[in-house]
Amino acid sequence: VIRDKEWWQQSESLVGLLAAYEWTGEPRLLDAFVLTWEFANRHMINHDLGEWRTLVDERGNVLVDGLGNPWKACYHTGRAMHEVIKRLDRILAT
């Protein structure tokens, strides 16, 4: 089992967890979103440069420090953050 955290899976999982919470109202999904966000915010996002690290291990140790590679585009992280903001706005408005 690979337990490393890659930028695109973590950013997209945030959207998926909020979508599932919106559909079901299951508190455990919102809890999973919060835990995933806290991990990503603490370990994956390079706040000085405003970009997600490529790969960290399950403890948050950086495995690949580069912020870009031929396969990495801002699509996943940028779109995910846009979707997260929209979904959180809807959830908080209810």
PDB file of N, CA and C in Angstrom:
ATOM      1  N   VAL A   1       0.845  -1.169   0.000  1.00  0.00           N
ATOM      2  CA  VAL A   1       0.000   0.000   0.000  1.00  0.00           C
ATOM      3  C   VAL A   1       0.896   1.240   0.000  1.00  0.00           C
ATOM      4  N   ILE A   2       0.666   2.115  -0.939  1.00  0.00           N
ATOM      5  CA  ILE A   2       1.413   3.370  -1.017  1.00  0.00           C
ATOM      6  C   ILE A   2       0.649   4.425  -0.225  1.00  0.00           C
ATOM      7  N   ARG A   3       1.300   5.015   0.744  1.00  0.00           N
ATOM      8  CA  ARG A   3       0.644   5.980   1.627  1.00  0.00           C
ATOM      9  C   ARG A   3       1.136   7.406   1.406  1.00  0.00           C
ATOM     10  N   ASP A   4       1.972   7.598   0.377  1.00  0.00           N
ATOM     11  CA  ASP A   4       2.449   8.933   0.060  1.00  0.00           C
ATOM     12  C   ASP A   4       1.292   9.809  -0.405  1.00  0.00           C
ATOM     13  N   LYS A   5       1.454  11.103  -0.268  1.00  0.00           N
ATOM     14  CA  LYS A   5       0.408  12.075  -0.624  1.00  0.00           C
ATOM     15  C   LYS A   5       0.893  12.905  -1.807  1.00  0.00           C
ATOM     16  N   GLU A   6       0.197  12.796  -2.911  1.00  0.00           N
ATOM     17  CA  GLU A   6       0.547  13.541  -4.114  1.00  0.00           C
ATOM     18  C   GLU A   6      -0.408  14.710  -4.279  1.00  0.00           C
ATOM     19  N   TRP A   7       0.090  15.795  -4.850  1.00  0.00           N
ATOM     20  CA  TRP A   7      -0.672  17.044  -4.917  1.00  0.00           C
ATOM     21  C   TRP A   7      -2.055  16.864  -5.513  1.00  0.00           C
ATOM     22  N   TRP A   8      -2.182  16.161  -6.620  1.00  0.00           N
ATOM     23  CA  TRP A   8      -3.471  16.155  -7.307  1.00  0.00           C
ATOM     24  C   TRP A   8      -4.501  15.301  -6.580  1.00  0.00           C
ATOM     25  N   GLN A   9      -4.086  14.183  -5.995  1.00  0.00           N
ATOM     26  CA  GLN A   9      -5.059  13.358  -5.273  1.00  0.00           C
ATOM     27  C   GLN A   9      -5.577  14.073  -4.033  1.00  0.00           C
ATOM     28  N   GLN A  10      -4.686  14.755  -3.331  1.00  0.00           N
ATOM     29  CA  GLN A  10      -5.106  15.446  -2.122  1.00  0.00           C
ATOM     30  C   GLN A  10      -6.028  16.623  -2.436  1.00  0.00           C
ATOM     31  N   SER A  11      -5.703  17.405  -3.463  1.00  0.00           N
ATOM     32  CA  SER A  11      -6.555  18.549  -3.798  1.00  0.00           C
ATOM     33  C   SER A  11      -7.915  18.086  -4.310  1.00  0.00           C
ATOM     34  N   GLU A  12      -7.934  17.045  -5.136  1.00  0.00           N
ATOM     35  CA  GLU A  12      -9.211  16.551  -5.660  1.00  0.00           C
ATOM     36  C   GLU A  12     -10.041  15.856  -4.585  1.00  0.00           C
ATOM     37  N   SER A  13      -9.376  15.233  -3.613  1.00  0.00           N
ATOM     38  CA  SER A  13     -10.142  14.585  -2.544  1.00  0.00           C
ATOM     39  C   SER A  13     -10.905  15.610  -1.712  1.00  0.00           C
ATOM     40  N   LEU A  14     -10.372  16.814  -1.584  1.00  0.00           N
ATOM     41  CA  LEU A  14     -11.091  17.871  -0.867  1.00  0.00           C
ATOM     42  C   LEU A  14     -12.429  18.167  -1.528  1.00  0.00           C
ATOM     43  N   VAL A  15     -12.422  18.255  -2.852  1.00  0.00           N
ATOM     44  CA  VAL A  15     -13.659  18.504  -3.597  1.00  0.00           C
ATOM     45  C   VAL A  15     -14.620  17.329  -3.423  1.00  0.00           C
ATOM     46  N   GLY A  16     -14.092  16.119  -3.569  1.00  0.00           N
ATOM     47  CA  GLY A  16     -14.939  14.927  -3.444  1.00  0.00           C
ATOM     48  C   GLY A  16     -15.571  14.797  -2.071  1.00  0.00           C
ATOM     49  N   LEU A  17     -14.812  15.079  -1.043  1.00  0.00           N
ATOM     50  CA  LEU A  17     -15.365  14.979   0.306  1.00  0.00           C
ATOM     51  C   LEU A  17     -16.463  16.004   0.547  1.00  0.00           C
ATOM     52  N   LEU A  18     -16.258  17.227   0.067  1.00  0.00           N
ATOM     53  CA  LEU A  18     -17.314  18.241   0.229  1.00  0.00           C
ATOM     54  C   LEU A  18     -18.541  17.903  -0.603  1.00  0.00           C
ATOM     55  N   ALA A  19     -18.333  17.398  -1.812  1.00  0.00           N
ATOM     56  CA  ALA A  19     -19.473  16.997  -2.654  1.00  0.00           C
ATOM     57  C   ALA A  19     -20.269  15.894  -1.970  1.00  0.00           C
ATOM     58  N   ALA A  20     -19.576  14.905  -1.443  1.00  0.00           N
ATOM     59  CA  ALA A  20     -20.258  13.807  -0.757  1.00  0.00           C
ATOM     60  C   ALA A  20     -20.991  14.316   0.483  1.00  0.00           C
ATOM     61  N   TYR A  21     -20.389  15.240   1.199  1.00  0.00           N
ATOM     62  CA  TYR A  21     -21.058  15.817   2.361  1.00  0.00           C
ATOM     63  C   TYR A  21     -22.319  16.576   1.947  1.00  0.00           C
ATOM     64  N   GLU A  22     -22.220  17.361   0.867  1.00  0.00           N
ATOM     65  CA  GLU A  22     -23.402  18.087   0.389  1.00  0.00           C
ATOM     66  C   GLU A  22     -24.533  17.134   0.033  1.00  0.00           C
ATOM     67  N   TRP A  23     -24.203  16.019  -0.576  1.00  0.00           N
ATOM     68  CA  TRP A  23     -25.227  15.061  -1.009  1.00  0.00           C
ATOM     69  C   TRP A  23     -25.828  14.275   0.141  1.00  0.00           C
ATOM     70  N   THR A  24     -24.998  13.939   1.134  1.00  0.00           N
ATOM     71  CA  THR A  24     -25.468  13.032   2.181  1.00  0.00           C
ATOM     72  C   THR A  24     -25.698  13.696   3.530  1.00  0.00           C
ATOM     73  N   GLY A  25     -24.985  14.780   3.806  1.00  0.00           N
ATOM     74  CA  GLY A  25     -25.071  15.403   5.125  1.00  0.00           C
ATOM     75  C   GLY A  25     -24.362  14.619   6.216  1.00  0.00           C
ATOM     76  N   GLU A  26     -23.575  13.619   5.839  1.00  0.00           N
ATOM     77  CA  GLU A  26     -22.859  12.783   6.809  1.00  0.00           C
ATOM     78  C   GLU A  26     -21.719  13.573   7.459  1.00  0.00           C
ATOM     79  N   PRO A  27     -21.779  13.800   8.757  1.00  0.00           N
ATOM     80  CA  PRO A  27     -20.739  14.577   9.436  1.00  0.00           C
ATOM     81  C   PRO A  27     -19.341  13.986   9.275  1.00  0.00           C
ATOM     82  N   ARG A  28     -19.221  12.663   9.169  1.00  0.00           N
ATOM     83  CA  ARG A  28     -17.899  12.047   9.042  1.00  0.00           C
ATOM     84  C   ARG A  28     -17.190  12.489   7.768  1.00  0.00           C
ATOM     85  N   LEU A  29     -17.964  12.840   6.725  1.00  0.00           N
ATOM     86  CA  LEU A  29     -17.364  13.319   5.480  1.00  0.00           C
ATOM     87  C   LEU A  29     -16.795  14.727   5.657  1.00  0.00           C
ATOM     88  N   LEU A  30     -17.502  15.545   6.396  1.00  0.00           N
ATOM     89  CA  LEU A  30     -16.990  16.883   6.692  1.00  0.00           C
ATOM     90  C   LEU A  30     -15.758  16.790   7.592  1.00  0.00           C
ATOM     91  N   ASP A  31     -15.783  15.862   8.545  1.00  0.00           N
ATOM     92  CA  ASP A  31     -14.608  15.640   9.397  1.00  0.00           C
ATOM     93  C   ASP A  31     -13.404  15.206   8.559  1.00  0.00           C
ATOM     94  N   ALA A  32     -13.630  14.320   7.593  1.00  0.00           N
ATOM     95  CA  ALA A  32     -12.539  13.863   6.718  1.00  0.00           C
ATOM     96  C   ALA A  32     -12.018  15.017   5.866  1.00  0.00           C
ATOM     97  N   PHE A  33     -12.911  15.890   5.409  1.00  0.00           N
ATOM     98  CA  PHE A  33     -12.482  17.072   4.661  1.00  0.00           C
ATOM     99  C   PHE A  33     -11.557  17.930   5.526  1.00  0.00           C
ATOM    100  N   VAL A  34     -11.971  18.201   6.755  1.00  0.00           N
ATOM    101  CA  VAL A  34     -11.184  19.054   7.649  1.00  0.00           C
ATOM    102  C   VAL A  34      -9.802  18.439   7.902  1.00  0.00           C
ATOM    103  N   LEU A  35      -9.746  17.143   8.166  1.00  0.00           N
ATOM    104  CA  LEU A  35      -8.459  16.487   8.396  1.00  0.00           C
ATOM    105  C   LEU A  35      -7.570  16.541   7.159  1.00  0.00           C
ATOM    106  N   THR A  36      -8.158  16.311   5.989  1.00  0.00           N
ATOM    107  CA  THR A  36      -7.392  16.360   4.739  1.00  0.00           C
ATOM    108  C   THR A  36      -6.889  17.768   4.481  1.00  0.00           C
ATOM    109  N   TRP A  37      -7.754  18.764   4.696  1.00  0.00           N
ATOM    110  CA  TRP A  37      -7.343  20.157   4.495  1.00  0.00           C
ATOM    111  C   TRP A  37      -6.226  20.542   5.463  1.00  0.00           C
ATOM    112  N   GLU A  38      -6.379  20.172   6.732  1.00  0.00           N
ATOM    113  CA  GLU A  38      -5.350  20.521   7.720  1.00  0.00           C
ATOM    114  C   GLU A  38      -3.997  19.923   7.342  1.00  0.00           C
ATOM    115  N   PHE A  39      -3.993  18.674   6.872  1.00  0.00           N
ATOM    116  CA  PHE A  39      -2.748  18.042   6.443  1.00  0.00           C
ATOM    117  C   PHE A  39      -2.163  18.776   5.238  1.00  0.00           C
ATOM    118  N   ALA A  40      -2.989  19.019   4.231  1.00  0.00           N
ATOM    119  CA  ALA A  40      -2.516  19.695   3.016  1.00  0.00           C
ATOM    120  C   ALA A  40      -2.008  21.092   3.334  1.00  0.00           C
ATOM    121  N   ASN A  41      -2.743  21.819   4.123  1.00  0.00           N
ATOM    122  CA  ASN A  41      -2.358  23.190   4.465  1.00  0.00           C
ATOM    123  C   ASN A  41      -1.041  23.220   5.244  1.00  0.00           C
ATOM    124  N   ARG A  42      -0.849  22.252   6.107  1.00  0.00           N
ATOM    125  CA  ARG A  42       0.347  22.204   6.946  1.00  0.00           C
ATOM    126  C   ARG A  42       1.564  21.656   6.195  1.00  0.00           C
ATOM    127  N   HIS A  43       1.356  20.629   5.374  1.00  0.00           N
ATOM    128  CA  HIS A  43       2.497  19.911   4.804  1.00  0.00           C
ATOM    129  C   HIS A  43       2.658  20.018   3.294  1.00  0.00           C
ATOM    130  N   MET A  44       1.589  20.242   2.582  1.00  0.00           N
ATOM    131  CA  MET A  44       1.681  20.163   1.127  1.00  0.00           C
ATOM    132  C   MET A  44       1.801  21.522   0.454  1.00  0.00           C
ATOM    133  N   ILE A  45       1.216  22.531   1.028  1.00  0.00           N
ATOM    134  CA  ILE A  45       1.223  23.846   0.397  1.00  0.00           C
ATOM    135  C   ILE A  45       2.451  24.621   0.844  1.00  0.00           C
ATOM    136  N   ASN A  46       3.207  25.068  -0.114  1.00  0.00           N
ATOM    137  CA  ASN A  46       4.337  25.952   0.154  1.00  0.00           C
ATOM    138  C   ASN A  46       3.762  27.370   0.176  1.00  0.00           C
ATOM    139  N   HIS A  47       3.498  27.874   1.359  1.00  0.00           N
ATOM    140  CA  HIS A  47       2.828  29.166   1.494  1.00  0.00           C
ATOM    141  C   HIS A  47       3.695  30.334   1.047  1.00  0.00           C
ATOM    142  N   ASP A  48       5.006  30.173   1.097  1.00  0.00           N
ATOM    143  CA  ASP A  48       5.889  31.246   0.626  1.00  0.00           C
ATOM    144  C   ASP A  48       5.767  31.454  -0.877  1.00  0.00           C
ATOM    145  N   LEU A  49       5.560  30.370  -1.610  1.00  0.00           N
ATOM    146  CA  LEU A  49       5.487  30.454  -3.072  1.00  0.00           C
ATOM    147  C   LEU A  49       4.078  30.284  -3.625  1.00  0.00           C
ATOM    148  N   GLY A  50       3.130  29.901  -2.773  1.00  0.00           N
ATOM    149  CA  GLY A  50       1.743  29.791  -3.204  1.00  0.00           C
ATOM    150  C   GLY A  50       1.454  28.607  -4.108  1.00  0.00           C
ATOM    151  N   GLU A  51       2.175  27.517  -3.929  1.00  0.00           N
ATOM    152  CA  GLU A  51       1.975  26.330  -4.761  1.00  0.00           C
ATOM    153  C   GLU A  51       2.089  25.077  -3.905  1.00  0.00           C
ATOM    154  N   TRP A  52       1.484  24.008  -4.388  1.00  0.00           N
ATOM    155  CA  TRP A  52       1.511  22.731  -3.678  1.00  0.00           C
ATOM    156  C   TRP A  52       2.789  21.969  -3.985  1.00  0.00           C
ATOM    157  N   ARG A  53       3.349  21.349  -2.958  1.00  0.00           N
ATOM    158  CA  ARG A  53       4.483  20.446  -3.164  1.00  0.00           C
ATOM    159  C   ARG A  53       3.999  19.230  -3.942  1.00  0.00           C
ATOM    160  N   THR A  54       4.893  18.602  -4.642  1.00  0.00           N
ATOM    161  CA  THR A  54       4.530  17.480  -5.496  1.00  0.00           C
ATOM    162  C   THR A  54       4.204  16.219  -4.703  1.00  0.00           C
ATOM    163  N   LEU A  55       5.024  15.897  -3.698  1.00  0.00           N
ATOM    164  CA  LEU A  55       4.850  14.619  -3.006  1.00  0.00           C
ATOM    165  C   LEU A  55       5.412  14.707  -1.593  1.00  0.00           C
ATOM    166  N   VAL A  56       4.601  14.247  -0.627  1.00  0.00           N
ATOM    167  CA  VAL A  56       5.048  14.123   0.761  1.00  0.00           C
ATOM    168  C   VAL A  56       4.654  12.729   1.257  1.00  0.00           C
ATOM    169  N   ASP A  57       5.277  12.294   2.346  1.00  0.00           N
ATOM    170  CA  ASP A  57       4.865  11.008   2.904  1.00  0.00           C
ATOM    171  C   ASP A  57       3.692  11.218   3.854  1.00  0.00           C
ATOM    172  N   GLU A  58       3.231  10.141   4.449  1.00  0.00           N
ATOM    173  CA  GLU A  58       2.033  10.215   5.290  1.00  0.00           C
ATOM    174  C   GLU A  58       2.230  11.048   6.556  1.00  0.00           C
ATOM    175  N   ARG A  59       3.470  11.330   6.894  1.00  0.00           N
ATOM    176  CA  ARG A  59       3.759  12.170   8.062  1.00  0.00           C
ATOM    177  C   ARG A  59       3.998  13.626   7.677  1.00  0.00           C
ATOM    178  N   GLY A  60       4.015  13.880   6.362  1.00  0.00           N
ATOM    179  CA  GLY A  60       4.218  15.239   5.884  1.00  0.00           C
ATOM    180  C   GLY A  60       5.655  15.554   5.522  1.00  0.00           C
ATOM    181  N   ASN A  61       6.527  14.570   5.605  1.00  0.00           N
ATOM    182  CA  ASN A  61       7.919  14.783   5.197  1.00  0.00           C
ATOM    183  C   ASN A  61       7.971  14.921   3.679  1.00  0.00           C
ATOM    184  N   VAL A  62       8.661  15.934   3.214  1.00  0.00           N
ATOM    185  CA  VAL A  62       8.727  16.205   1.777  1.00  0.00           C
ATOM    186  C   VAL A  62       9.569  15.134   1.099  1.00  0.00           C
ATOM    187  N   LEU A  63       8.980  14.482   0.093  1.00  0.00           N
ATOM    188  CA  LEU A  63       9.687  13.475  -0.691  1.00  0.00           C
ATOM    189  C   LEU A  63      10.188  14.059  -2.003  1.00  0.00           C
ATOM    190  N   VAL A  64       9.383  14.928  -2.604  1.00  0.00           N
ATOM    191  CA  VAL A  64       9.780  15.646  -3.815  1.00  0.00           C
ATOM    192  C   VAL A  64       9.507  17.113  -3.541  1.00  0.00           C
ATOM    193  N   ASP A  65      10.565  17.894  -3.390  1.00  0.00           N
ATOM    194  CA  ASP A  65      10.411  19.286  -2.986  1.00  0.00           C
ATOM    195  C   ASP A  65      10.029  20.197  -4.145  1.00  0.00           C
ATOM    196  N   GLY A  66      10.281  19.759  -5.373  1.00  0.00           N
ATOM    197  CA  GLY A  66       9.967  20.598  -6.517  1.00  0.00           C
ATOM    198  C   GLY A  66       8.487  20.937  -6.582  1.00  0.00           C
ATOM    199  N   LEU A  67       8.201  22.135  -7.015  1.00  0.00           N
ATOM    200  CA  LEU A  67       6.807  22.572  -7.122  1.00  0.00           C
ATOM    201  C   LEU A  67       6.225  22.316  -8.505  1.00  0.00           C
ATOM    202  N   GLY A  68       7.052  21.854  -9.409  1.00  0.00           N
ATOM    203  CA  GLY A  68       6.556  21.574 -10.752  1.00  0.00           C
ATOM    204  C   GLY A  68       7.297  20.416 -11.379  1.00  0.00           C
ATOM    205  N   ASN A  69       6.687  19.838 -12.376  1.00  0.00           N
ATOM    206  CA  ASN A  69       7.301  18.804 -13.197  1.00  0.00           C
ATOM    207  C   ASN A  69       6.520  18.752 -14.507  1.00  0.00           C
ATOM    208  N   PRO A  70       6.938  17.957 -15.464  1.00  0.00           N
ATOM    209  CA  PRO A  70       6.235  17.956 -16.754  1.00  0.00           C
ATOM    210  C   PRO A  70       4.752  17.570 -16.670  1.00  0.00           C
ATOM    211  N   TRP A  71       4.355  16.852 -15.619  1.00  0.00           N
ATOM    212  CA  TRP A  71       2.965  16.409 -15.485  1.00  0.00           C
ATOM    213  C   TRP A  71       2.129  17.310 -14.591  1.00  0.00           C
ATOM    214  N   LYS A  72       2.767  18.192 -13.867  1.00  0.00           N
ATOM    215  CA  LYS A  72       2.034  18.999 -12.898  1.00  0.00           C
ATOM    216  C   LYS A  72       1.566  20.295 -13.534  1.00  0.00           C
ATOM    217  N   ALA A  73       0.293  20.517 -13.440  1.00  0.00           N
ATOM    218  CA  ALA A  73      -0.303  21.759 -13.937  1.00  0.00           C
ATOM    219  C   ALA A  73      -1.167  22.337 -12.826  1.00  0.00           C
ATOM    220  N   CYS A  74      -1.521  23.576 -12.945  1.00  0.00           N
ATOM    221  CA  CYS A  74      -2.338  24.212 -11.900  1.00  0.00           C
ATOM    222  C   CYS A  74      -3.798  23.779 -11.984  1.00  0.00           C
ATOM    223  N   TYR A  75      -4.131  22.953 -12.958  1.00  0.00           N
ATOM    224  CA  TYR A  75      -5.530  22.538 -13.116  1.00  0.00           C
ATOM    225  C   TYR A  75      -6.090  21.947 -11.829  1.00  0.00           C
ATOM    226  N   HIS A  76      -5.439  20.922 -11.303  1.00  0.00           N
ATOM    227  CA  HIS A  76      -6.009  20.227 -10.144  1.00  0.00           C
ATOM    228  C   HIS A  76      -6.083  21.125  -8.922  1.00  0.00           C
ATOM    229  N   THR A  77      -4.991  21.753  -8.568  1.00  0.00           N
ATOM    230  CA  THR A  77      -5.003  22.546  -7.339  1.00  0.00           C
ATOM    231  C   THR A  77      -5.842  23.806  -7.492  1.00  0.00           C
ATOM    232  N   GLY A  78      -5.690  24.499  -8.597  1.00  0.00           N
ATOM    233  CA  GLY A  78      -6.464  25.717  -8.799  1.00  0.00           C
ATOM    234  C   GLY A  78      -7.957  25.454  -8.881  1.00  0.00           C
ATOM    235  N   ARG A  79      -8.341  24.462  -9.695  1.00  0.00           N
ATOM    236  CA  ARG A  79      -9.753  24.115  -9.830  1.00  0.00           C
ATOM    237  C   ARG A  79     -10.304  23.597  -8.510  1.00  0.00           C
ATOM    238  N   ALA A  80      -9.515  22.780  -7.829  1.00  0.00           N
ATOM    239  CA  ALA A  80      -9.984  22.230  -6.558  1.00  0.00           C
ATOM    240  C   ALA A  80     -10.252  23.337  -5.540  1.00  0.00           C
ATOM    241  N   MET A  81      -9.338  24.285  -5.422  1.00  0.00           N
ATOM    242  CA  MET A  81      -9.544  25.358  -4.451  1.00  0.00           C
ATOM    243  C   MET A  81     -10.750  26.215  -4.822  1.00  0.00           C
ATOM    244  N   HIS A  82     -10.954  26.444  -6.113  1.00  0.00           N
ATOM    245  CA  HIS A  82     -12.136  27.183  -6.567  1.00  0.00           C
ATOM    246  C   HIS A  82     -13.407  26.420  -6.179  1.00  0.00           C
ATOM    247  N   GLU A  83     -13.426  25.114  -6.414  1.00  0.00           N
ATOM    248  CA  GLU A  83     -14.587  24.289  -6.060  1.00  0.00           C
ATOM    249  C   GLU A  83     -14.804  24.229  -4.550  1.00  0.00           C
ATOM    250  N   VAL A  84     -13.726  24.126  -3.801  1.00  0.00           N
ATOM    251  CA  VAL A  84     -13.837  24.079  -2.344  1.00  0.00           C
ATOM    252  C   VAL A  84     -14.471  25.370  -1.824  1.00  0.00           C
ATOM    253  N   ILE A  85     -14.027  26.498  -2.320  1.00  0.00           N
ATOM    254  CA  ILE A  85     -14.592  27.782  -1.880  1.00  0.00           C
ATOM    255  C   ILE A  85     -16.072  27.858  -2.208  1.00  0.00           C
ATOM    256  N   LYS A  86     -16.445  27.489  -3.431  1.00  0.00           N
ATOM    257  CA  LYS A  86     -17.867  27.511  -3.815  1.00  0.00           C
ATOM    258  C   LYS A  86     -18.698  26.598  -2.929  1.00  0.00           C
ATOM    259  N   ARG A  87     -18.201  25.400  -2.700  1.00  0.00           N
ATOM    260  CA  ARG A  87     -18.963  24.428  -1.897  1.00  0.00           C
ATOM    261  C   ARG A  87     -19.047  24.853  -0.423  1.00  0.00           C
ATOM    262  N   LEU A  88     -17.950  25.368   0.112  1.00  0.00           N
ATOM    263  CA  LEU A  88     -18.010  25.846   1.503  1.00  0.00           C
ATOM    264  C   LEU A  88     -18.966  27.017   1.643  1.00  0.00           C
ATOM    265  N   ASP A  89     -18.980  27.916   0.665  1.00  0.00           N
ATOM    266  CA  ASP A  89     -19.937  29.029   0.695  1.00  0.00           C
ATOM    267  C   ASP A  89     -21.367  28.511   0.726  1.00  0.00           C
ATOM    268  N   ARG A  90     -21.668  27.498  -0.096  1.00  0.00           N
ATOM    269  CA  ARG A  90     -23.022  26.924  -0.099  1.00  0.00           C
ATOM    270  C   ARG A  90     -23.346  26.261   1.235  1.00  0.00           C
ATOM    271  N   ILE A  91     -22.401  25.494   1.751  1.00  0.00           N
ATOM    272  CA  ILE A  91     -22.632  24.794   3.017  1.00  0.00           C
ATOM    273  C   ILE A  91     -22.848  25.782   4.147  1.00  0.00           C
ATOM    274  N   LEU A  92     -22.047  26.824   4.194  1.00  0.00           N
ATOM    275  CA  LEU A  92     -22.168  27.812   5.270  1.00  0.00           C
ATOM    276  C   LEU A  92     -23.422  28.662   5.134  1.00  0.00           C
ATOM    277  N   ALA A  93     -23.966  28.761   3.929  1.00  0.00           N
ATOM    278  CA  ALA A  93     -25.172  29.557   3.709  1.00  0.00           C
ATOM    279  C   ALA A  93     -26.445  28.819   4.141  1.00  0.00           C
ATOM    280  N   THR A  94     -26.333  27.515   4.381  1.00  0.00           N
ATOM    281  CA  THR A  94     -27.544  26.748   4.764  1.00  0.00           C
ATOM    282  C   THR A  94     -27.722  26.694   6.248  1.00  0.00           C
TER     283      THR A  94
END
